[in-house]
PDB file of all heavy atoms in Angstrom:
ATOM      1  N   PRO A   1       0.473 -24.797  12.057  1.00  0.00           N
ATOM      2  CA  PRO A   1       1.359 -24.185  11.059  1.00  0.00           C
ATOM      3  C   PRO A   1       2.453 -23.315  11.669  1.00  0.00           C
ATOM      4  O   PRO A   1       3.609 -23.355  11.249  1.00  0.00           O
ATOM      5  CB  PRO A   1       0.397 -23.351  10.203  1.00  0.00           C
ATOM      6  CG  PRO A   1      -0.922 -24.028  10.356  1.00  0.00           C
ATOM      7  CD  PRO A   1      -0.945 -24.521  11.755  1.00  0.00           C
ATOM      8  N   VAL A   2       2.087 -22.521  12.681  1.00  0.00           N
ATOM      9  CA  VAL A   2       3.082 -21.671  13.337  1.00  0.00           C
ATOM     10  C   VAL A   2       4.114 -22.527  14.053  1.00  0.00           C
ATOM     11  O   VAL A   2       5.329 -22.279  13.959  1.00  0.00           O
ATOM     12  CB  VAL A   2       2.396 -20.707  14.323  1.00  0.00           C
ATOM     13  CG1 VAL A   2       3.436 -19.939  15.130  1.00  0.00           C
ATOM     14  CG2 VAL A   2       1.500 -19.733  13.572  1.00  0.00           C
ATOM     15  N   LEU A   3       3.635 -23.542  14.782  1.00  0.00           N
ATOM     16  CA  LEU A   3       4.561 -24.420  15.500  1.00  0.00           C
ATOM     17  C   LEU A   3       5.495 -25.151  14.536  1.00  0.00           C
ATOM     18  O   LEU A   3       6.673 -25.376  14.843  1.00  0.00           O
ATOM     19  CB  LEU A   3       3.777 -25.432  16.346  1.00  0.00           C
ATOM     20  CG  LEU A   3       2.923 -24.838  17.477  1.00  0.00           C
ATOM     21  CD1 LEU A   3       2.133 -25.937  18.177  1.00  0.00           C
ATOM     22  CD2 LEU A   3       3.808 -24.100  18.471  1.00  0.00           C
ATOM     23  N   LEU A   4       4.977 -25.508  13.368  1.00  0.00           N
ATOM     24  CA  LEU A   4       5.802 -26.189  12.372  1.00  0.00           C
ATOM     25  C   LEU A   4       6.920 -25.284  11.869  1.00  0.00           C
ATOM     26  O   LEU A   4       8.078 -25.710  11.775  1.00  0.00           O
ATOM     27  CB  LEU A   4       4.922 -26.639  11.200  1.00  0.00           C
ATOM     28  CG  LEU A   4       5.640 -27.361  10.047  1.00  0.00           C
ATOM     29  CD1 LEU A   4       6.288 -28.643  10.550  1.00  0.00           C
ATOM     30  CD2 LEU A   4       4.655 -27.650   8.915  1.00  0.00           C
ATOM     31  N   VAL A   5       6.583 -24.048  11.568  1.00  0.00           N
ATOM     32  CA  VAL A   5       7.607 -23.104  11.097  1.00  0.00           C
ATOM     33  C   VAL A   5       8.639 -22.858  12.186  1.00  0.00           C
ATOM     34  O   VAL A   5       9.850 -22.816  11.923  1.00  0.00           O
ATOM     35  CB  VAL A   5       6.951 -21.777  10.659  1.00  0.00           C
ATOM     36  CG1 VAL A   5       8.021 -20.747  10.301  1.00  0.00           C
ATOM     37  CG2 VAL A   5       6.044 -22.011   9.468  1.00  0.00           C
ATOM     38  N   ILE A   6       8.168 -22.690  13.438  1.00  0.00           N
ATOM     39  CA  ILE A   6       9.091 -22.484  14.557  1.00  0.00           C
ATOM     40  C   ILE A   6      10.038 -23.669  14.687  1.00  0.00           C
ATOM     41  O   ILE A   6      11.257 -23.505  14.846  1.00  0.00           O
ATOM     42  CB  ILE A   6       8.315 -22.274  15.870  1.00  0.00           C
ATOM     43  CG1 ILE A   6       7.512 -20.975  15.808  1.00  0.00           C
ATOM     44  CG2 ILE A   6       9.262 -22.246  17.060  1.00  0.00           C
ATOM     45  CD1 ILE A   6       6.569 -20.788  16.982  1.00  0.00           C
ATOM     46  N   ALA A   7       9.474 -24.887  14.629  1.00  0.00           N
ATOM     47  CA  ALA A   7      10.295 -26.085  14.796  1.00  0.00           C
ATOM     48  C   ALA A   7      11.335 -26.212  13.683  1.00  0.00           C
ATOM     49  O   ALA A   7      12.487 -26.585  13.936  1.00  0.00           O
ATOM     50  CB  ALA A   7       9.391 -27.323  14.824  1.00  0.00           C
ATOM     51  N   ILE A   8      10.941 -25.887  12.462  1.00  0.00           N
ATOM     52  CA  ILE A   8      11.874 -26.003  11.339  1.00  0.00           C
ATOM     53  C   ILE A   8      13.013 -25.003  11.474  1.00  0.00           C
ATOM     54  O   ILE A   8      14.196 -25.356  11.350  1.00  0.00           O
ATOM     55  CB  ILE A   8      11.125 -25.801  10.011  1.00  0.00           C
ATOM     56  CG1 ILE A   8      10.239 -27.019   9.732  1.00  0.00           C
ATOM     57  CG2 ILE A   8      12.097 -25.573   8.858  1.00  0.00           C
ATOM     58  CD1 ILE A   8       9.340 -26.843   8.536  1.00  0.00           C
ATOM     59  N   ILE A   9      12.679 -23.743  11.741  1.00  0.00           N
ATOM     60  CA  ILE A   9      13.714 -22.713  11.851  1.00  0.00           C
ATOM     61  C   ILE A   9      14.615 -22.974  13.049  1.00  0.00           C
ATOM     62  O   ILE A   9      15.844 -22.968  12.944  1.00  0.00           O
ATOM     63  CB  ILE A   9      13.072 -21.318  11.937  1.00  0.00           C
ATOM     64  CG1 ILE A   9      12.367 -20.977  10.626  1.00  0.00           C
ATOM     65  CG2 ILE A   9      14.122 -20.253  12.260  1.00  0.00           C
ATOM     66  CD1 ILE A   9      11.647 -19.650  10.641  1.00  0.00           C
ATOM     67  N   PHE A  10      13.995 -23.243  14.195  1.00  0.00           N
ATOM     68  CA  PHE A  10      14.782 -23.472  15.408  1.00  0.00           C
ATOM     69  C   PHE A  10      15.625 -24.730  15.272  1.00  0.00           C
ATOM     70  O   PHE A  10      16.816 -24.746  15.618  1.00  0.00           O
ATOM     71  CB  PHE A  10      13.851 -23.592  16.616  1.00  0.00           C
ATOM     72  CG  PHE A  10      14.572 -23.691  17.925  1.00  0.00           C
ATOM     73  CD1 PHE A  10      14.971 -22.547  18.594  1.00  0.00           C
ATOM     74  CD2 PHE A  10      14.853 -24.929  18.495  1.00  0.00           C
ATOM     75  CE1 PHE A  10      15.641 -22.643  19.815  1.00  0.00           C
ATOM     76  CE2 PHE A  10      15.519 -25.035  19.701  1.00  0.00           C
ATOM     77  CZ  PHE A  10      15.909 -23.879  20.368  1.00  0.00           C
ATOM     78  N   GLY A  11      15.018 -25.823  14.766  1.00  0.00           N
ATOM     79  CA  GLY A  11      15.756 -27.072  14.625  1.00  0.00           C
ATOM     80  C   GLY A  11      16.918 -26.958  13.655  1.00  0.00           C
ATOM     81  O   GLY A  11      18.011 -27.472  13.908  1.00  0.00           O
ATOM     82  N   ALA A  12      16.698 -26.256  12.535  1.00  0.00           N
ATOM     83  CA  ALA A  12      17.766 -26.096  11.551  1.00  0.00           C
ATOM     84  C   ALA A  12      18.928 -25.294  12.119  1.00  0.00           C
ATOM     85  O   ALA A  12      20.107 -25.631  11.908  1.00  0.00           O
ATOM     86  CB  ALA A  12      17.218 -25.412  10.305  1.00  0.00           C
ATOM     87  N   LEU A  13      18.619 -24.224  12.855  1.00  0.00           N
ATOM     88  CA  LEU A  13      19.681 -23.403  13.446  1.00  0.00           C
ATOM     89  C   LEU A  13      20.409 -24.153  14.551  1.00  0.00           C
ATOM     90  O   LEU A  13      21.638 -24.082  14.664  1.00  0.00           O
ATOM     91  CB  LEU A  13      19.089 -22.107  14.004  1.00  0.00           C
ATOM     92  CG  LEU A  13      18.479 -21.135  12.989  1.00  0.00           C
ATOM     93  CD1 LEU A  13      17.860 -19.947  13.703  1.00  0.00           C
ATOM     94  CD2 LEU A  13      19.537 -20.666  12.001  1.00  0.00           C
ATOM     95  N   TYR A  14      19.665 -24.886  15.375  1.00  0.00           N
ATOM     96  CA  TYR A  14      20.266 -25.570  16.521  1.00  0.00           C
ATOM     97  C   TYR A  14      21.175 -26.714  16.088  1.00  0.00           C
ATOM     98  O   TYR A  14      22.269 -26.898  16.626  1.00  0.00           O
ATOM     99  CB  TYR A  14      19.171 -26.086  17.448  1.00  0.00           C
ATOM    100  CG  TYR A  14      19.703 -26.687  18.719  1.00  0.00           C
ATOM    101  CD1 TYR A  14      20.150 -25.864  19.753  1.00  0.00           C
ATOM    102  CD2 TYR A  14      19.762 -28.063  18.900  1.00  0.00           C
ATOM    103  CE1 TYR A  14      20.643 -26.411  20.922  1.00  0.00           C
ATOM    104  CE2 TYR A  14      20.254 -28.615  20.073  1.00  0.00           C
ATOM    105  CZ  TYR A  14      20.689 -27.788  21.088  1.00  0.00           C
ATOM    106  OH  TYR A  14      21.182 -28.327  22.243  1.00  0.00           O
ATOM    107  N   THR A  15      20.727 -27.483  15.103  1.00  0.00           N
ATOM    108  CA  THR A  15      21.523 -28.633  14.663  1.00  0.00           C
ATOM    109  C   THR A  15      22.591 -28.249  13.650  1.00  0.00           C
ATOM    110  O   THR A  15      23.499 -29.034  13.386  1.00  0.00           O
ATOM    111  CB  THR A  15      20.611 -29.706  14.040  1.00  0.00           C
ATOM    112  OG1 THR A  15      19.951 -29.153  12.886  1.00  0.00           O
ATOM    113  CG2 THR A  15      19.586 -30.185  15.053  1.00  0.00           C
ATOM    114  N   GLY A  16      22.464 -27.053  13.073  1.00  0.00           N
ATOM    115  CA  GLY A  16      23.418 -26.650  12.039  1.00  0.00           C
ATOM    116  C   GLY A  16      23.163 -27.314  10.708  1.00  0.00           C
ATOM    117  O   GLY A  16      24.014 -27.260   9.811  1.00  0.00           O
ATOM    118  N   SER A  17      21.991 -27.938  10.530  1.00  0.00           N
ATOM    119  CA  SER A  17      21.692 -28.644   9.287  1.00  0.00           C
ATOM    120  C   SER A  17      21.355 -27.697   8.143  1.00  0.00           C
ATOM    121  O   SER A  17      21.297 -28.103   6.985  1.00  0.00           O
ATOM    122  CB  SER A  17      20.522 -29.610   9.507  1.00  0.00           C
ATOM    123  OG  SER A  17      19.379 -28.915   9.974  1.00  0.00           O
ATOM    124  N   ALA A  18      21.108 -26.435   8.447  1.00  0.00           N
ATOM    125  CA  ALA A  18      20.820 -25.435   7.414  1.00  0.00           C
ATOM    126  C   ALA A  18      21.306 -24.084   7.887  1.00  0.00           C
ATOM    127  O   ALA A  18      21.386 -23.821   9.088  1.00  0.00           O
ATOM    128  CB  ALA A  18      19.317 -25.377   7.110  1.00  0.00           C
ATOM    129  N   THR A  19      21.642 -23.231   6.952  1.00  0.00           N
ATOM    130  CA  THR A  19      22.014 -21.866   7.286  1.00  0.00           C
ATOM    131  C   THR A  19      20.753 -21.083   7.643  1.00  0.00           C
ATOM    132  O   THR A  19      19.637 -21.503   7.314  1.00  0.00           O
ATOM    133  CB  THR A  19      22.719 -21.186   6.110  1.00  0.00           C
ATOM    134  OG1 THR A  19      21.773 -21.041   5.029  1.00  0.00           O
ATOM    135  CG2 THR A  19      23.910 -21.998   5.626  1.00  0.00           C
ATOM    136  N   PRO A  20      20.899 -19.930   8.322  1.00  0.00           N
ATOM    137  CA  PRO A  20      19.709 -19.117   8.602  1.00  0.00           C
ATOM    138  C   PRO A  20      18.936 -18.755   7.335  1.00  0.00           C
ATOM    139  O   PRO A  20      17.698 -18.729   7.348  1.00  0.00           O
ATOM    140  CB  PRO A  20      20.299 -17.865   9.269  1.00  0.00           C
ATOM    141  CG  PRO A  20      21.546 -18.354   9.937  1.00  0.00           C
ATOM    142  CD  PRO A  20      22.096 -19.403   9.010  1.00  0.00           C
ATOM    143  N   THR A  21      19.631 -18.493   6.240  1.00  0.00           N
ATOM    144  CA  THR A  21      18.951 -18.155   4.984  1.00  0.00           C
ATOM    145  C   THR A  21      18.149 -19.337   4.461  1.00  0.00           C
ATOM    146  O   THR A  21      17.000 -19.183   4.024  1.00  0.00           O
ATOM    147  CB  THR A  21      19.974 -17.710   3.929  1.00  0.00           C
ATOM    148  OG1 THR A  21      20.665 -16.553   4.408  1.00  0.00           O
ATOM    149  CG2 THR A  21      19.296 -17.372   2.614  1.00  0.00           C
ATOM    150  N   GLU A  22      18.734 -20.526   4.513  1.00  0.00           N
ATOM    151  CA  GLU A  22      18.014 -21.719   4.060  1.00  0.00           C
ATOM    152  C   GLU A  22      16.811 -21.998   4.946  1.00  0.00           C
ATOM    153  O   GLU A  22      15.736 -22.362   4.457  1.00  0.00           O
ATOM    154  CB  GLU A  22      18.972 -22.910   4.052  1.00  0.00           C
ATOM    155  CG  GLU A  22      20.062 -22.803   2.992  1.00  0.00           C
ATOM    156  CD  GLU A  22      21.176 -23.807   3.206  1.00  0.00           C
ATOM    157  OE1 GLU A  22      21.250 -24.407   4.302  1.00  0.00           O
ATOM    158  OE2 GLU A  22      21.998 -23.978   2.275  1.00  0.00           O
ATOM    159  N   ALA A  23      16.976 -21.833   6.259  1.00  0.00           N
ATOM    160  CA  ALA A  23      15.854 -22.035   7.180  1.00  0.00           C
ATOM    161  C   ALA A  23      14.753 -21.019   6.911  1.00  0.00           C
ATOM    162  O   ALA A  23      13.558 -21.344   6.924  1.00  0.00           O
ATOM    163  CB  ALA A  23      16.337 -21.932   8.627  1.00  0.00           C
ATOM    164  N   GLY A  24      15.140 -19.759   6.653  1.00  0.00           N
ATOM    165  CA  GLY A  24      14.155 -18.733   6.344  1.00  0.00           C
ATOM    166  C   GLY A  24      13.411 -19.021   5.051  1.00  0.00           C
ATOM    167  O   GLY A  24      12.200 -18.808   4.957  1.00  0.00           O
ATOM    168  N   ALA A  25      14.135 -19.511   4.040  1.00  0.00           N
ATOM    169  CA  ALA A  25      13.503 -19.836   2.765  1.00  0.00           C
ATOM    170  C   ALA A  25      12.498 -20.971   2.927  1.00  0.00           C
ATOM    171  O   ALA A  25      11.388 -20.938   2.367  1.00  0.00           O
ATOM    172  CB  ALA A  25      14.566 -20.205   1.734  1.00  0.00           C
ATOM    173  N   LEU A  26      12.874 -21.986   3.706  1.00  0.00           N
ATOM    174  CA  LEU A  26      11.977 -23.113   3.932  1.00  0.00           C
ATOM    175  C   LEU A  26      10.741 -22.670   4.715  1.00  0.00           C
ATOM    176  O   LEU A  26       9.609 -23.054   4.392  1.00  0.00           O
ATOM    177  CB  LEU A  26      12.711 -24.219   4.688  1.00  0.00           C
ATOM    178  CG  LEU A  26      11.952 -25.541   4.889  1.00  0.00           C
ATOM    179  CD1 LEU A  26      11.506 -26.118   3.554  1.00  0.00           C
ATOM    180  CD2 LEU A  26      12.824 -26.540   5.633  1.00  0.00           C
ATOM    181  N   GLY A  27      10.954 -21.811   5.735  1.00  0.00           N
ATOM    182  CA  GLY A  27       9.820 -21.298   6.500  1.00  0.00           C
ATOM    183  C   GLY A  27       8.881 -20.485   5.636  1.00  0.00           C
ATOM    184  O   GLY A  27       7.656 -20.614   5.737  1.00  0.00           O
ATOM    185  N   ALA A  28       9.428 -19.643   4.770  1.00  0.00           N
ATOM    186  CA  ALA A  28       8.599 -18.826   3.875  1.00  0.00           C
ATOM    187  C   ALA A  28       7.809 -19.700   2.918  1.00  0.00           C
ATOM    188  O   ALA A  28       6.636 -19.429   2.629  1.00  0.00           O
ATOM    189  CB  ALA A  28       9.480 -17.844   3.104  1.00  0.00           C
ATOM    190  N   MET A  29       8.437 -20.766   2.414  1.00  0.00           N
ATOM    191  CA  MET A  29       7.755 -21.665   1.486  1.00  0.00           C
ATOM    192  C   MET A  29       6.581 -22.368   2.175  1.00  0.00           C
ATOM    193  O   MET A  29       5.488 -22.502   1.602  1.00  0.00           O
ATOM    194  CB  MET A  29       8.732 -22.706   0.944  1.00  0.00           C
ATOM    195  CG  MET A  29       8.117 -23.641  -0.091  1.00  0.00           C
ATOM    196  SD  MET A  29       9.255 -24.932  -0.623  1.00  0.00           S
ATOM    197  CE  MET A  29       9.314 -25.944   0.865  1.00  0.00           C
ATOM    198  N   ILE A  30       6.787 -22.786   3.426  1.00  0.00           N
ATOM    199  CA  ILE A  30       5.723 -23.481   4.151  1.00  0.00           C
ATOM    200  C   ILE A  30       4.553 -22.541   4.418  1.00  0.00           C
ATOM    201  O   ILE A  30       3.377 -22.893   4.208  1.00  0.00           O
ATOM    202  CB  ILE A  30       6.272 -24.061   5.473  1.00  0.00           C
ATOM    203  CG1 ILE A  30       7.253 -25.204   5.174  1.00  0.00           C
ATOM    204  CG2 ILE A  30       5.138 -24.539   6.365  1.00  0.00           C
ATOM    205  CD1 ILE A  30       7.953 -25.728   6.387  1.00  0.00           C
ATOM    206  N   VAL A  31       4.850 -21.319   4.866  1.00  0.00           N
ATOM    207  CA  VAL A  31       3.779 -20.361   5.147  1.00  0.00           C
ATOM    208  C   VAL A  31       3.043 -19.999   3.855  1.00  0.00           C
ATOM    209  O   VAL A  31       1.814 -19.858   3.839  1.00  0.00           O
ATOM    210  CB  VAL A  31       4.344 -19.099   5.819  1.00  0.00           C
ATOM    211  CG1 VAL A  31       3.238 -18.062   6.016  1.00  0.00           C
ATOM    212  CG2 VAL A  31       4.954 -19.447   7.171  1.00  0.00           C
ATOM    213  N   PHE A  32       3.774 -19.876   2.761  1.00  0.00           N
ATOM    214  CA  PHE A  32       3.130 -19.590   1.476  1.00  0.00           C
ATOM    215  C   PHE A  32       2.217 -20.742   1.067  1.00  0.00           C
ATOM    216  O   PHE A  32       1.104 -20.523   0.569  1.00  0.00           O
ATOM    217  CB  PHE A  32       4.187 -19.363   0.405  1.00  0.00           C
ATOM    218  CG  PHE A  32       3.615 -19.148  -0.972  1.00  0.00           C
ATOM    219  CD1 PHE A  32       2.937 -17.977  -1.285  1.00  0.00           C
ATOM    220  CD2 PHE A  32       3.732 -20.136  -1.953  1.00  0.00           C
ATOM    221  CE1 PHE A  32       2.391 -17.787  -2.551  1.00  0.00           C
ATOM    222  CE2 PHE A  32       3.198 -19.954  -3.205  1.00  0.00           C
ATOM    223  CZ  PHE A  32       2.526 -18.770  -3.512  1.00  0.00           C
ATOM    224  N   GLY A  33       2.669 -21.985   1.270  1.00  0.00           N
ATOM    225  CA  GLY A  33       1.836 -23.139   0.964  1.00  0.00           C
ATOM    226  C   GLY A  33       0.554 -23.146   1.783  1.00  0.00           C
ATOM    227  O   GLY A  33      -0.537 -23.433   1.258  1.00  0.00           O
TER     228      GLY A  33
END
């Protein structure tokens, strides 16, 4: 779970596919799930 959140946030920021806020929201949703 931790590695998944790291990969999502890092990947989104690195590729520019999501803003930091969007990446944070997705990470929070995954951890909440």
